Every structure is written in structure tokens, then in C-alpha cells.
């Protein structure tokens, strides 16, 4: 059992959107719950970003491997200790990663080139929980379809976070996702982490990438 939610760093982070449009992290993902989730149904056919998905399927530098091993054990133990048979009575945030992705100095253009060459296109519309519809220059940087995306956050043209949201629908989508993740893993020595299940995957091994992609 892995009990983690988005509340990690809630008062520290903001999400960089295209055209330098920056929104408060709490407001961006609707943590104040001021907008009913039912509004999302007005945007059928548009990719939705939900608060609970943020960074839960993420790619991290391999330098974080020992942290990932210990942190998944800690969170699983915490979840088992706070499960009452029906649900969890407490939550715990994911700890601070010792090695930040931005420290690898990965130019965002190199990431975009890999993703685009595989055949995943920039998502032009998102519905964000608690915010509503974003399109045009205001959309976050994501590549995929209207049901899933590889999300890329950046600061000063350097990659800061990369994560996956949504679900693939067709075999072609799944294959493109796997090809993209495999190439990203080879290029930048990433490890994929599924914080929902407490598992990590070596992205330089295609079979490992395929296992990680079953969550998408």
C-alpha cells in the first residue's frame, strides 16, 4: 500500500506554463476545491489534469536510486500503520529528492526533440481541476493525446520535472509511449517511479519500461 498525495511541497512549488504563465500550485490543481469536479464533464474529449496525479508517475535521475528504494519502503510502512480496514487515517508526503532533475542541466529542446521524433504531439488543450480550460499559449507543456500525456516542466529552458498522466487507449499510443520513455531513459539515465504502487523501473531496459507503462 502506498499512501501519497500531491500535498508534498504545496507551499513551495508553482508550475511553469508556456509563455511564462505561472500560476500558484494550490490554485492550479484546485486544492481549495472551489470548483466542482462535475465541471470536467463539460470538457469531454479534452485531457484532464487532476491534483492526485501530479508527479505520481515520474522520471527521476538515477542518482536518486537509493532514496527511491528507502522512500518507497517508508511510505508503504506508513500506509500499513495508518490503515483501519476501510481507508487510510493519515497521509504522508514524498520526501525531498536529494538530486534534482534540473541539476542534470537537460535542455528542454533535447527532450522535446526525442518525444516529437517518436510521433507524440503537443497537447493543445487541458482541463485543470479547480482552474478550468487552458488552451493556446497558456497550456502546460505536454505531449500525447486527449487521454494521456508526458508532462515536461522547465525553468530557464532546463527540464525541472517530467511525469506522465492519463491513460493510453490504443496499442499504437502505448507503443509510442514505450518508445519515448525508452529513448528518454537511454539519453538521460532516468529511473521511472510509480509512487502509487511503490515500484521503480530502470528505463535503460526496454522490458522494464514496458512494465512501467502498464500504469498508463
N, C-alpha and C. Protein backbone atom coordinates (compact mmCIF):
# COMPACT_ATOMS: atom_id res chain seq x y z
N UNK A 1 0.84 -1.19 0.00
CA UNK A 1 0.00 0.00 0.00
C UNK A 1 0.88 1.24 0.00
N UNK A 2 0.64 2.12 -0.91
CA UNK A 2 1.45 3.31 -0.99
C UNK A 2 0.55 4.52 -0.85
N UNK A 3 0.72 5.26 0.25
CA UNK A 3 -0.19 6.35 0.54
C UNK A 3 0.52 7.67 0.38
N UNK A 4 0.38 8.26 -0.78
CA UNK A 4 0.98 9.56 -1.02
C UNK A 4 0.01 10.40 -1.81
N UNK A 5 0.05 11.72 -1.62
CA UNK A 5 -0.79 12.63 -2.38
C UNK A 5 0.02 13.85 -2.76
N UNK A 6 -0.61 14.68 -3.49
CA UNK A 6 0.02 15.83 -4.07
C UNK A 6 0.48 16.86 -3.06
N UNK A 7 0.09 16.78 -1.81
CA UNK A 7 0.33 17.85 -0.86
C UNK A 7 1.81 18.09 -0.58
N UNK A 8 2.70 17.23 -1.11
CA UNK A 8 4.12 17.48 -0.98
C UNK A 8 4.47 18.84 -1.56
N UNK A 9 5.20 19.64 -0.83
CA UNK A 9 5.72 20.91 -1.27
C UNK A 9 4.63 21.87 -1.70
N UNK A 10 3.45 21.75 -1.20
CA UNK A 10 2.33 22.53 -1.69
C UNK A 10 2.55 24.03 -1.53
N UNK A 11 3.27 24.40 -0.51
CA UNK A 11 3.50 25.82 -0.29
C UNK A 11 4.82 26.31 -0.88
N UNK A 12 5.51 25.45 -1.62
CA UNK A 12 6.81 25.82 -2.17
C UNK A 12 6.83 25.90 -3.68
N UNK A 13 5.94 25.13 -4.34
CA UNK A 13 6.04 24.97 -5.78
C UNK A 13 5.05 25.82 -6.55
N UNK A 14 5.42 26.19 -7.74
CA UNK A 14 4.49 26.69 -8.75
C UNK A 14 4.83 25.98 -10.04
N UNK A 15 3.86 25.93 -10.95
CA UNK A 15 4.06 25.19 -12.20
C UNK A 15 4.27 26.18 -13.33
N UNK A 16 5.37 26.04 -14.07
CA UNK A 16 5.67 26.94 -15.19
C UNK A 16 4.91 26.48 -16.41
N UNK A 17 4.09 27.37 -16.96
CA UNK A 17 3.34 27.07 -18.16
C UNK A 17 4.00 27.78 -19.34
N UNK A 18 3.55 27.46 -20.58
CA UNK A 18 4.08 28.12 -21.76
C UNK A 18 3.89 29.62 -21.65
N UNK A 19 4.67 30.37 -22.37
CA UNK A 19 4.67 31.82 -22.44
C UNK A 19 4.86 32.43 -21.05
N UNK A 20 5.63 31.73 -20.20
CA UNK A 20 5.96 32.23 -18.87
C UNK A 20 4.74 32.49 -18.01
N UNK A 21 3.64 31.82 -18.29
CA UNK A 21 2.43 31.97 -17.49
C UNK A 21 2.55 31.10 -16.25
N UNK A 22 2.67 31.71 -15.08
CA UNK A 22 2.90 30.98 -13.84
C UNK A 22 1.69 31.12 -12.94
N UNK A 23 1.22 30.00 -12.41
CA UNK A 23 0.07 30.01 -11.51
C UNK A 23 0.47 29.38 -10.20
N UNK A 24 -0.14 29.83 -9.12
CA UNK A 24 0.10 29.23 -7.83
C UNK A 24 -0.27 27.76 -7.86
N UNK A 25 0.61 26.93 -7.29
CA UNK A 25 0.42 25.48 -7.37
C UNK A 25 -0.90 25.04 -6.76
N UNK A 26 -1.25 25.64 -5.63
CA UNK A 26 -2.51 25.26 -4.98
C UNK A 26 -3.69 25.59 -5.88
N UNK A 27 -3.69 26.77 -6.45
CA UNK A 27 -4.79 27.16 -7.30
C UNK A 27 -4.82 26.39 -8.60
N UNK A 28 -3.62 26.11 -9.15
CA UNK A 28 -3.53 25.43 -10.43
C UNK A 28 -4.21 24.08 -10.40
N UNK A 29 -3.99 23.31 -9.32
CA UNK A 29 -4.55 21.97 -9.27
C UNK A 29 -5.77 21.87 -8.38
N UNK A 30 -6.34 23.02 -8.01
CA UNK A 30 -7.65 23.00 -7.38
C UNK A 30 -7.69 22.43 -5.99
N UNK A 31 -6.63 22.61 -5.19
CA UNK A 31 -6.63 22.01 -3.87
C UNK A 31 -7.63 22.66 -2.93
N UNK A 32 -8.11 23.86 -3.27
CA UNK A 32 -9.12 24.51 -2.44
C UNK A 32 -10.52 23.98 -2.74
N UNK A 33 -10.64 23.17 -3.78
CA UNK A 33 -11.91 22.52 -4.12
C UNK A 33 -13.04 23.52 -4.33
N UNK A 34 -12.73 24.69 -4.89
CA UNK A 34 -13.76 25.70 -5.07
C UNK A 34 -14.58 25.46 -6.33
N UNK A 35 -14.04 24.64 -7.20
CA UNK A 35 -14.76 24.33 -8.43
C UNK A 35 -15.16 22.87 -8.40
N UNK A 36 -16.41 22.58 -8.60
CA UNK A 36 -16.90 21.20 -8.54
C UNK A 36 -16.27 20.37 -9.63
N UNK A 37 -15.91 19.12 -9.26
CA UNK A 37 -15.30 18.23 -10.25
C UNK A 37 -16.24 17.94 -11.40
N UNK A 38 -17.53 18.07 -11.18
CA UNK A 38 -18.50 17.77 -12.22
C UNK A 38 -18.34 18.68 -13.43
N UNK A 39 -17.68 19.84 -13.23
CA UNK A 39 -17.46 20.75 -14.35
C UNK A 39 -16.64 20.07 -15.43
N UNK A 40 -15.78 19.13 -15.04
CA UNK A 40 -14.92 18.45 -16.00
C UNK A 40 -15.72 17.77 -17.11
N UNK A 41 -16.91 17.36 -16.82
CA UNK A 41 -17.70 16.66 -17.82
C UNK A 41 -18.13 17.59 -18.95
N UNK A 42 -18.00 18.89 -18.75
CA UNK A 42 -18.31 19.83 -19.82
C UNK A 42 -17.21 19.85 -20.87
N UNK A 43 -16.10 19.17 -20.58
CA UNK A 43 -14.94 19.19 -21.48
C UNK A 43 -14.58 17.78 -21.91
N UNK A 44 -15.57 17.04 -22.32
CA UNK A 44 -15.34 15.68 -22.80
C UNK A 44 -14.45 15.73 -24.04
N UNK A 45 -13.47 14.82 -24.09
CA UNK A 45 -12.56 14.80 -25.23
C UNK A 45 -11.33 15.67 -25.04
N UNK A 46 -11.17 16.24 -23.85
CA UNK A 46 -10.01 17.07 -23.52
C UNK A 46 -9.27 16.42 -22.36
N UNK A 47 -7.95 16.44 -22.40
CA UNK A 47 -7.16 15.81 -21.36
C UNK A 47 -7.33 16.57 -20.04
N UNK A 48 -7.63 15.83 -18.97
CA UNK A 48 -7.83 16.42 -17.65
C UNK A 48 -6.60 16.21 -16.78
N UNK A 49 -6.22 17.23 -16.05
CA UNK A 49 -5.15 17.13 -15.06
C UNK A 49 -5.78 17.19 -13.68
N UNK A 50 -5.49 16.15 -12.88
CA UNK A 50 -6.07 16.03 -11.55
C UNK A 50 -4.98 16.18 -10.50
N UNK A 51 -5.34 16.75 -9.36
CA UNK A 51 -4.37 17.00 -8.30
C UNK A 51 -3.65 15.74 -7.84
N UNK A 52 -4.35 14.62 -7.78
CA UNK A 52 -3.76 13.40 -7.23
C UNK A 52 -2.76 12.74 -8.18
N UNK A 53 -2.71 13.19 -9.43
CA UNK A 53 -1.82 12.57 -10.40
C UNK A 53 -0.45 13.23 -10.48
N UNK A 54 -0.31 14.40 -9.89
CA UNK A 54 0.90 15.19 -10.10
C UNK A 54 2.14 14.48 -9.55
N UNK A 55 3.09 14.19 -10.46
CA UNK A 55 4.38 13.57 -10.14
C UNK A 55 4.27 12.16 -9.57
N UNK A 56 3.09 11.54 -9.69
CA UNK A 56 2.94 10.19 -9.15
C UNK A 56 3.54 9.12 -10.07
N UNK A 57 3.62 9.42 -11.35
CA UNK A 57 4.35 8.58 -12.31
C UNK A 57 5.43 9.48 -12.91
N UNK A 58 6.60 9.45 -12.33
CA UNK A 58 7.61 10.43 -12.73
C UNK A 58 8.93 9.77 -13.11
N UNK A 59 9.72 10.54 -13.84
CA UNK A 59 11.06 10.12 -14.23
C UNK A 59 12.05 10.93 -13.41
N UNK A 60 12.99 10.23 -12.78
CA UNK A 60 13.96 10.87 -11.91
C UNK A 60 15.37 10.47 -12.31
N UNK A 61 16.36 11.33 -12.03
CA UNK A 61 17.75 10.96 -12.30
C UNK A 61 18.15 9.71 -11.51
N UNK A 62 18.98 8.88 -12.10
CA UNK A 62 19.37 7.63 -11.46
C UNK A 62 20.11 7.86 -10.15
N UNK A 63 20.63 9.08 -9.96
CA UNK A 63 21.33 9.40 -8.72
C UNK A 63 20.40 9.31 -7.51
N UNK A 64 19.10 9.27 -7.74
CA UNK A 64 18.13 9.17 -6.65
C UNK A 64 17.76 7.73 -6.29
N UNK A 65 18.43 6.75 -6.85
CA UNK A 65 18.01 5.36 -6.69
C UNK A 65 17.93 4.94 -5.22
N UNK A 66 18.93 5.21 -4.43
CA UNK A 66 18.91 4.78 -3.03
C UNK A 66 17.79 5.49 -2.27
N UNK A 67 17.56 6.76 -2.57
CA UNK A 67 16.45 7.48 -1.96
C UNK A 67 15.12 6.83 -2.33
N UNK A 68 14.95 6.48 -3.60
CA UNK A 68 13.71 5.87 -4.06
C UNK A 68 13.46 4.55 -3.33
N UNK A 69 14.51 3.76 -3.19
CA UNK A 69 14.37 2.47 -2.50
C UNK A 69 13.90 2.66 -1.07
N UNK A 70 14.55 3.56 -0.35
CA UNK A 70 14.20 3.75 1.06
C UNK A 70 12.87 4.47 1.24
N UNK A 71 12.57 5.39 0.34
CA UNK A 71 11.34 6.18 0.48
C UNK A 71 10.09 5.34 0.19
N UNK A 72 10.16 4.46 -0.78
CA UNK A 72 9.01 3.59 -1.05
C UNK A 72 8.75 2.66 0.13
N UNK A 73 9.81 2.18 0.76
CA UNK A 73 9.64 1.33 1.95
C UNK A 73 9.01 2.14 3.09
N UNK A 74 9.51 3.37 3.30
CA UNK A 74 8.98 4.20 4.38
C UNK A 74 7.50 4.50 4.19
N UNK A 75 7.13 4.86 2.97
CA UNK A 75 5.74 5.23 2.71
C UNK A 75 4.82 4.02 2.81
N UNK A 76 5.29 2.88 2.33
CA UNK A 76 4.49 1.67 2.45
C UNK A 76 4.28 1.30 3.92
N UNK A 77 5.33 1.42 4.71
CA UNK A 77 5.20 1.13 6.13
C UNK A 77 4.23 2.10 6.80
N UNK A 78 4.32 3.35 6.43
CA UNK A 78 3.41 4.36 6.98
C UNK A 78 1.96 4.03 6.63
N UNK A 79 1.73 3.65 5.37
CA UNK A 79 0.38 3.32 4.94
C UNK A 79 -0.19 2.14 5.70
N UNK A 80 0.62 1.12 5.90
CA UNK A 80 0.16 -0.06 6.64
C UNK A 80 -0.16 0.28 8.08
N UNK A 81 0.57 1.24 8.64
CA UNK A 81 0.34 1.62 10.02
C UNK A 81 -0.82 2.56 10.22
N UNK A 82 -1.37 3.08 9.13
CA UNK A 82 -2.49 4.02 9.22
C UNK A 82 -3.68 3.57 8.38
N UNK A 83 -3.81 2.26 8.23
CA UNK A 83 -4.95 1.70 7.52
C UNK A 83 -5.88 1.04 8.53
N UNK A 84 -7.14 1.46 8.53
CA UNK A 84 -8.08 0.97 9.55
C UNK A 84 -9.03 -0.11 9.05
N UNK A 85 -8.74 -0.66 7.89
CA UNK A 85 -9.59 -1.69 7.31
C UNK A 85 -10.56 -1.16 6.28
N UNK A 86 -10.78 0.13 6.29
CA UNK A 86 -11.69 0.77 5.33
C UNK A 86 -10.97 1.82 4.49
N UNK A 87 -10.00 2.46 5.08
CA UNK A 87 -9.26 3.52 4.40
C UNK A 87 -8.09 3.96 5.25
N UNK A 88 -7.41 4.99 4.78
CA UNK A 88 -6.24 5.49 5.48
C UNK A 88 -6.61 6.66 6.38
N UNK A 89 -6.10 6.66 7.58
CA UNK A 89 -6.42 7.70 8.55
C UNK A 89 -5.47 8.88 8.48
N UNK A 90 -4.30 8.70 7.88
CA UNK A 90 -3.32 9.76 7.73
C UNK A 90 -2.64 9.62 6.37
N UNK A 91 -2.05 10.72 5.90
CA UNK A 91 -1.28 10.69 4.66
C UNK A 91 0.12 11.20 4.95
N UNK A 92 1.04 10.86 4.08
CA UNK A 92 2.41 11.33 4.23
C UNK A 92 2.94 11.79 2.89
N UNK A 93 3.66 12.89 2.85
CA UNK A 93 4.20 13.36 1.58
C UNK A 93 5.44 12.58 1.17
N UNK A 94 5.75 12.62 -0.10
CA UNK A 94 7.01 12.07 -0.58
C UNK A 94 8.12 13.00 -0.11
N UNK A 95 9.22 12.43 0.34
CA UNK A 95 10.33 13.22 0.84
C UNK A 95 11.06 14.00 -0.25
N UNK A 96 11.93 14.87 0.19
CA UNK A 96 12.71 15.69 -0.73
C UNK A 96 13.72 14.82 -1.49
N UNK A 97 13.66 14.93 -2.81
CA UNK A 97 14.63 14.17 -3.61
C UNK A 97 16.02 14.79 -3.46
N UNK A 98 17.03 13.99 -3.19
CA UNK A 98 18.37 14.55 -2.97
C UNK A 98 19.01 15.12 -4.22
N UNK A 99 18.65 14.57 -5.40
CA UNK A 99 19.24 15.05 -6.65
C UNK A 99 18.11 15.52 -7.55
N UNK A 100 18.10 16.81 -7.84
CA UNK A 100 17.03 17.41 -8.63
C UNK A 100 17.29 17.21 -10.12
N UNK A 101 16.21 17.03 -10.86
CA UNK A 101 16.32 16.86 -12.31
C UNK A 101 17.00 18.06 -12.95
N UNK A 102 16.71 19.25 -12.47
CA UNK A 102 17.29 20.45 -13.07
C UNK A 102 18.82 20.46 -12.95
N UNK A 103 19.36 19.73 -11.98
CA UNK A 103 20.81 19.66 -11.79
C UNK A 103 21.50 18.90 -12.92
N UNK A 104 20.74 18.16 -13.70
CA UNK A 104 21.33 17.45 -14.84
C UNK A 104 21.53 18.39 -16.04
N UNK A 105 20.97 19.61 -15.94
CA UNK A 105 21.14 20.63 -16.99
C UNK A 105 20.68 20.11 -18.35
N UNK A 106 19.51 19.50 -18.36
CA UNK A 106 18.94 18.97 -19.60
C UNK A 106 18.18 20.08 -20.31
N UNK A 107 18.59 20.40 -21.50
CA UNK A 107 17.90 21.43 -22.28
C UNK A 107 16.53 20.89 -22.70
N UNK A 108 15.50 21.67 -22.47
CA UNK A 108 14.15 21.21 -22.78
C UNK A 108 13.99 20.88 -24.26
N UNK A 109 14.75 21.56 -25.13
CA UNK A 109 14.65 21.29 -26.56
C UNK A 109 15.11 19.88 -26.91
N UNK A 110 16.08 19.34 -26.15
CA UNK A 110 16.54 17.97 -26.39
C UNK A 110 15.46 16.96 -26.02
N UNK A 111 14.74 17.25 -24.96
CA UNK A 111 13.63 16.37 -24.54
C UNK A 111 12.52 16.42 -25.57
N UNK A 112 12.16 17.62 -25.99
CA UNK A 112 11.08 17.79 -26.97
C UNK A 112 11.43 17.10 -28.28
N UNK A 113 12.68 17.16 -28.68
CA UNK A 113 13.09 16.53 -29.93
C UNK A 113 12.90 15.02 -29.88
N UNK A 114 13.28 14.39 -28.77
CA UNK A 114 13.11 12.95 -28.63
C UNK A 114 11.63 12.58 -28.68
N UNK A 115 10.83 13.28 -27.92
CA UNK A 115 9.40 12.97 -27.86
C UNK A 115 8.74 13.17 -29.22
N UNK A 116 9.07 14.27 -29.87
CA UNK A 116 8.44 14.58 -31.17
C UNK A 116 8.87 13.60 -32.24
N UNK A 117 10.11 13.17 -32.21
CA UNK A 117 10.60 12.25 -33.24
C UNK A 117 9.90 10.89 -33.17
N UNK A 118 9.45 10.51 -31.98
CA UNK A 118 8.72 9.25 -31.85
C UNK A 118 7.31 9.38 -32.41
N UNK A 119 6.79 10.59 -32.43
CA UNK A 119 5.46 10.80 -33.00
C UNK A 119 4.40 11.22 -32.02
N UNK A 120 4.81 11.69 -30.84
CA UNK A 120 3.85 12.25 -29.89
C UNK A 120 3.79 13.76 -30.09
N UNK A 121 2.58 14.29 -30.17
CA UNK A 121 2.41 15.69 -30.48
C UNK A 121 2.02 16.50 -29.25
N UNK A 122 2.29 17.79 -29.31
CA UNK A 122 1.98 18.68 -28.21
C UNK A 122 0.48 18.73 -27.98
N UNK A 123 0.08 18.58 -26.73
CA UNK A 123 -1.34 18.69 -26.37
C UNK A 123 -1.70 20.16 -26.32
N UNK A 124 -2.77 20.54 -27.00
CA UNK A 124 -3.09 21.97 -27.14
C UNK A 124 -4.21 22.42 -26.22
N UNK A 125 -4.87 21.48 -25.54
CA UNK A 125 -5.94 21.85 -24.61
C UNK A 125 -5.88 20.96 -23.38
N UNK A 126 -6.04 21.56 -22.22
CA UNK A 126 -6.14 20.83 -20.96
C UNK A 126 -7.31 21.38 -20.16
N UNK A 127 -7.95 20.49 -19.42
CA UNK A 127 -8.85 20.95 -18.36
C UNK A 127 -8.17 20.63 -17.04
N UNK A 128 -7.94 21.67 -16.23
CA UNK A 128 -7.23 21.50 -14.98
C UNK A 128 -8.21 21.65 -13.82
N UNK A 129 -8.19 20.68 -12.94
CA UNK A 129 -9.08 20.67 -11.79
C UNK A 129 -8.94 21.97 -10.99
N UNK A 130 -10.05 22.63 -10.76
CA UNK A 130 -10.06 23.85 -9.97
C UNK A 130 -9.72 25.09 -10.75
N UNK A 131 -9.31 24.93 -12.03
CA UNK A 131 -8.94 26.07 -12.86
C UNK A 131 -9.86 26.19 -14.06
N UNK A 132 -10.05 25.09 -14.77
CA UNK A 132 -10.88 25.09 -15.96
C UNK A 132 -10.07 24.83 -17.20
N UNK A 133 -10.56 25.30 -18.33
CA UNK A 133 -9.95 25.03 -19.63
C UNK A 133 -8.77 25.96 -19.89
N UNK A 134 -7.65 25.35 -20.30
CA UNK A 134 -6.49 26.11 -20.76
C UNK A 134 -6.18 25.69 -22.18
N UNK A 135 -5.93 26.67 -23.02
CA UNK A 135 -5.59 26.37 -24.40
C UNK A 135 -4.70 27.47 -24.95
N UNK A 136 -4.15 27.23 -26.12
CA UNK A 136 -3.28 28.22 -26.73
C UNK A 136 -1.98 28.39 -25.97
N UNK A 137 -1.56 29.63 -25.75
CA UNK A 137 -0.29 29.91 -25.12
C UNK A 137 -0.26 29.58 -23.64
N UNK A 138 -1.41 29.36 -23.03
CA UNK A 138 -1.47 29.14 -21.59
C UNK A 138 -1.34 27.68 -21.17
N UNK A 139 -1.26 26.76 -22.11
CA UNK A 139 -1.26 25.35 -21.74
C UNK A 139 0.11 24.95 -21.19
N UNK A 140 0.15 24.02 -20.23
CA UNK A 140 1.44 23.44 -19.81
C UNK A 140 2.02 22.63 -20.95
N UNK A 141 3.28 22.32 -20.87
CA UNK A 141 3.97 21.60 -21.95
C UNK A 141 3.79 20.11 -21.76
N UNK A 142 2.96 19.51 -22.62
CA UNK A 142 2.70 18.09 -22.56
C UNK A 142 2.56 17.50 -23.95
N UNK A 143 2.94 16.23 -24.09
CA UNK A 143 2.91 15.57 -25.39
C UNK A 143 2.16 14.25 -25.28
N UNK A 144 1.19 14.04 -26.16
CA UNK A 144 0.41 12.81 -26.13
C UNK A 144 -0.86 12.95 -26.92
N UNK A 145 -1.98 12.66 -26.27
CA UNK A 145 -3.29 12.73 -26.91
C UNK A 145 -4.26 13.44 -25.97
N UNK A 146 -5.55 13.26 -26.23
CA UNK A 146 -6.55 13.84 -25.32
C UNK A 146 -6.86 12.91 -24.16
N UNK A 147 -6.08 11.82 -24.01
CA UNK A 147 -6.30 10.92 -22.88
C UNK A 147 -5.04 10.69 -22.03
N UNK A 148 -3.87 11.01 -22.54
CA UNK A 148 -2.63 10.84 -21.76
C UNK A 148 -1.59 11.84 -22.27
N UNK A 149 -0.59 12.09 -21.42
CA UNK A 149 0.48 12.98 -21.86
C UNK A 149 1.74 12.76 -21.03
N UNK A 150 2.88 13.01 -21.66
CA UNK A 150 4.14 13.17 -20.95
C UNK A 150 4.28 14.65 -20.67
N UNK A 151 4.29 15.03 -19.40
CA UNK A 151 4.32 16.43 -18.99
C UNK A 151 5.76 16.85 -18.71
N UNK A 152 6.15 17.99 -19.24
CA UNK A 152 7.51 18.49 -19.08
C UNK A 152 7.47 19.89 -18.46
N UNK A 153 8.06 20.03 -17.30
CA UNK A 153 8.16 21.34 -16.66
C UNK A 153 9.58 21.85 -16.80
N UNK A 154 9.71 23.15 -16.92
CA UNK A 154 11.02 23.72 -17.21
C UNK A 154 11.20 25.06 -16.51
N UNK A 155 12.45 25.42 -16.33
CA UNK A 155 12.83 26.73 -15.81
C UNK A 155 14.07 27.19 -16.57
N UNK A 156 13.97 28.35 -17.19
CA UNK A 156 15.08 28.88 -18.00
C UNK A 156 15.56 27.86 -19.02
N UNK A 157 14.58 27.20 -19.66
CA UNK A 157 14.85 26.22 -20.72
C UNK A 157 15.52 24.95 -20.24
N UNK A 158 15.59 24.74 -18.93
CA UNK A 158 16.11 23.49 -18.39
C UNK A 158 14.96 22.66 -17.81
N UNK A 159 15.01 21.36 -18.06
CA UNK A 159 13.97 20.46 -17.55
C UNK A 159 14.04 20.42 -16.03
N UNK A 160 12.89 20.61 -15.37
CA UNK A 160 12.83 20.53 -13.90
C UNK A 160 12.07 19.31 -13.41
N UNK A 161 11.03 18.91 -14.15
CA UNK A 161 10.26 17.72 -13.79
C UNK A 161 9.68 17.12 -15.06
N UNK A 162 9.56 15.79 -15.07
CA UNK A 162 8.92 15.11 -16.19
C UNK A 162 8.10 13.97 -15.62
N UNK A 163 6.81 13.90 -16.01
CA UNK A 163 5.90 12.94 -15.42
C UNK A 163 4.81 12.59 -16.42
N UNK A 164 4.06 11.56 -16.12
CA UNK A 164 3.05 11.04 -17.04
C UNK A 164 1.68 11.09 -16.37
N UNK A 165 0.69 11.44 -17.15
CA UNK A 165 -0.68 11.50 -16.64
C UNK A 165 -1.63 10.88 -17.65
N UNK A 166 -2.75 10.37 -17.16
CA UNK A 166 -3.79 9.84 -18.04
C UNK A 166 -3.59 8.38 -18.41
N UNK A 167 -4.27 7.98 -19.46
CA UNK A 167 -4.26 6.58 -19.91
C UNK A 167 -4.16 6.50 -21.41
N UNK A 168 -3.32 5.58 -21.90
CA UNK A 168 -3.32 5.28 -23.33
C UNK A 168 -4.56 4.47 -23.67
N UNK A 169 -5.03 4.59 -24.90
CA UNK A 169 -6.24 3.91 -25.33
C UNK A 169 -5.95 2.81 -26.34
N UNK A 170 -5.08 3.10 -27.30
CA UNK A 170 -4.80 2.16 -28.37
C UNK A 170 -3.40 1.55 -28.20
N UNK A 171 -3.17 0.45 -28.91
CA UNK A 171 -1.85 -0.17 -28.90
C UNK A 171 -0.81 0.77 -29.49
N UNK A 172 -1.18 1.53 -30.51
CA UNK A 172 -0.25 2.47 -31.12
C UNK A 172 0.20 3.52 -30.10
N UNK A 173 -0.73 4.02 -29.31
CA UNK A 173 -0.39 5.00 -28.28
C UNK A 173 0.55 4.40 -27.25
N UNK A 174 0.24 3.18 -26.83
CA UNK A 174 1.09 2.52 -25.84
C UNK A 174 2.50 2.29 -26.39
N UNK A 175 2.59 1.86 -27.64
CA UNK A 175 3.90 1.61 -28.25
C UNK A 175 4.71 2.89 -28.36
N UNK A 176 4.06 4.00 -28.72
CA UNK A 176 4.76 5.28 -28.82
C UNK A 176 5.23 5.74 -27.45
N UNK A 177 4.39 5.53 -26.44
CA UNK A 177 4.78 5.90 -25.08
C UNK A 177 6.01 5.10 -24.64
N UNK A 178 5.99 3.80 -24.89
CA UNK A 178 7.12 2.95 -24.51
C UNK A 178 8.38 3.36 -25.25
N UNK A 179 8.27 3.60 -26.56
CA UNK A 179 9.43 4.01 -27.34
C UNK A 179 10.01 5.32 -26.81
N UNK A 180 9.12 6.25 -26.47
CA UNK A 180 9.58 7.56 -25.97
C UNK A 180 10.28 7.42 -24.63
N UNK A 181 9.67 6.69 -23.72
CA UNK A 181 10.27 6.52 -22.40
C UNK A 181 11.62 5.80 -22.49
N UNK A 182 11.69 4.81 -23.35
CA UNK A 182 12.94 4.06 -23.52
C UNK A 182 14.06 4.98 -24.02
N UNK A 183 13.74 5.81 -25.00
CA UNK A 183 14.73 6.73 -25.54
C UNK A 183 15.13 7.79 -24.53
N UNK A 184 14.17 8.28 -23.75
CA UNK A 184 14.47 9.25 -22.70
C UNK A 184 15.37 8.63 -21.64
N UNK A 185 15.09 7.38 -21.31
CA UNK A 185 15.90 6.68 -20.33
C UNK A 185 17.33 6.51 -20.79
N UNK A 186 17.50 6.14 -22.05
CA UNK A 186 18.84 5.96 -22.59
C UNK A 186 19.60 7.28 -22.69
N UNK A 187 18.88 8.33 -23.08
CA UNK A 187 19.53 9.63 -23.29
C UNK A 187 19.94 10.30 -21.99
N UNK A 188 19.12 10.14 -20.93
CA UNK A 188 19.34 10.93 -19.72
C UNK A 188 19.48 10.09 -18.44
N UNK A 189 19.55 8.78 -18.58
CA UNK A 189 19.73 7.89 -17.43
C UNK A 189 18.66 8.11 -16.36
N UNK A 190 17.42 8.11 -16.79
CA UNK A 190 16.31 8.27 -15.88
C UNK A 190 15.90 6.94 -15.26
N UNK A 191 15.31 7.03 -14.09
CA UNK A 191 14.59 5.92 -13.47
C UNK A 191 13.13 6.31 -13.40
N UNK A 192 12.25 5.41 -13.77
CA UNK A 192 10.82 5.68 -13.69
C UNK A 192 10.29 5.20 -12.34
N UNK A 193 9.46 6.02 -11.71
CA UNK A 193 8.91 5.68 -10.40
C UNK A 193 7.39 5.74 -10.45
N UNK A 194 6.76 4.66 -10.00
CA UNK A 194 5.31 4.62 -9.80
C UNK A 194 5.08 4.74 -8.30
N UNK A 195 4.80 5.96 -7.83
CA UNK A 195 4.61 6.17 -6.40
C UNK A 195 3.32 5.57 -5.90
N UNK A 196 2.37 5.33 -6.80
CA UNK A 196 1.12 4.67 -6.40
C UNK A 196 1.40 3.27 -5.86
N UNK A 197 2.23 2.53 -6.57
CA UNK A 197 2.48 1.14 -6.22
C UNK A 197 3.79 0.94 -5.47
N UNK A 198 4.60 1.99 -5.39
CA UNK A 198 5.88 1.85 -4.70
C UNK A 198 6.89 1.06 -5.48
N UNK A 199 6.88 1.20 -6.81
CA UNK A 199 7.81 0.46 -7.66
C UNK A 199 8.67 1.42 -8.46
N UNK A 200 9.84 0.98 -8.82
CA UNK A 200 10.70 1.77 -9.70
C UNK A 200 11.21 0.87 -10.83
N UNK A 201 11.60 1.52 -11.94
CA UNK A 201 11.93 0.78 -13.14
C UNK A 201 13.14 1.42 -13.83
N UNK A 202 14.08 0.59 -14.24
CA UNK A 202 15.27 1.07 -14.95
C UNK A 202 14.92 1.29 -16.41
N UNK A 203 14.98 2.52 -16.83
CA UNK A 203 14.49 2.87 -18.16
C UNK A 203 15.49 2.58 -19.27
N UNK A 204 16.66 2.06 -18.92
CA UNK A 204 17.59 1.65 -19.97
C UNK A 204 17.30 0.23 -20.42
N UNK A 205 16.35 -0.42 -19.76
CA UNK A 205 15.93 -1.77 -20.14
C UNK A 205 14.51 -1.70 -20.68
N UNK A 206 14.33 -2.11 -21.92
CA UNK A 206 13.02 -1.96 -22.56
C UNK A 206 11.93 -2.76 -21.83
N UNK A 207 12.26 -3.94 -21.36
CA UNK A 207 11.27 -4.74 -20.65
C UNK A 207 10.80 -4.03 -19.38
N UNK A 208 11.71 -3.33 -18.73
CA UNK A 208 11.38 -2.58 -17.53
C UNK A 208 10.47 -1.40 -17.87
N UNK A 209 10.76 -0.74 -18.98
CA UNK A 209 9.92 0.37 -19.44
C UNK A 209 8.51 -0.14 -19.74
N UNK A 210 8.41 -1.29 -20.36
CA UNK A 210 7.10 -1.87 -20.69
C UNK A 210 6.29 -2.14 -19.43
N UNK A 211 6.95 -2.59 -18.37
CA UNK A 211 6.27 -2.82 -17.10
C UNK A 211 5.75 -1.51 -16.50
N UNK A 212 6.58 -0.49 -16.52
CA UNK A 212 6.17 0.82 -16.01
C UNK A 212 4.98 1.36 -16.80
N UNK A 213 4.99 1.17 -18.10
CA UNK A 213 3.95 1.72 -18.97
C UNK A 213 2.60 1.06 -18.78
N UNK A 214 2.54 -0.08 -18.09
CA UNK A 214 1.25 -0.71 -17.85
C UNK A 214 0.35 0.16 -16.98
N UNK A 215 0.93 1.12 -16.26
CA UNK A 215 0.15 2.01 -15.41
C UNK A 215 -0.49 3.15 -16.19
N UNK A 216 -0.13 3.28 -17.47
CA UNK A 216 -0.62 4.41 -18.27
C UNK A 216 -1.52 3.91 -19.39
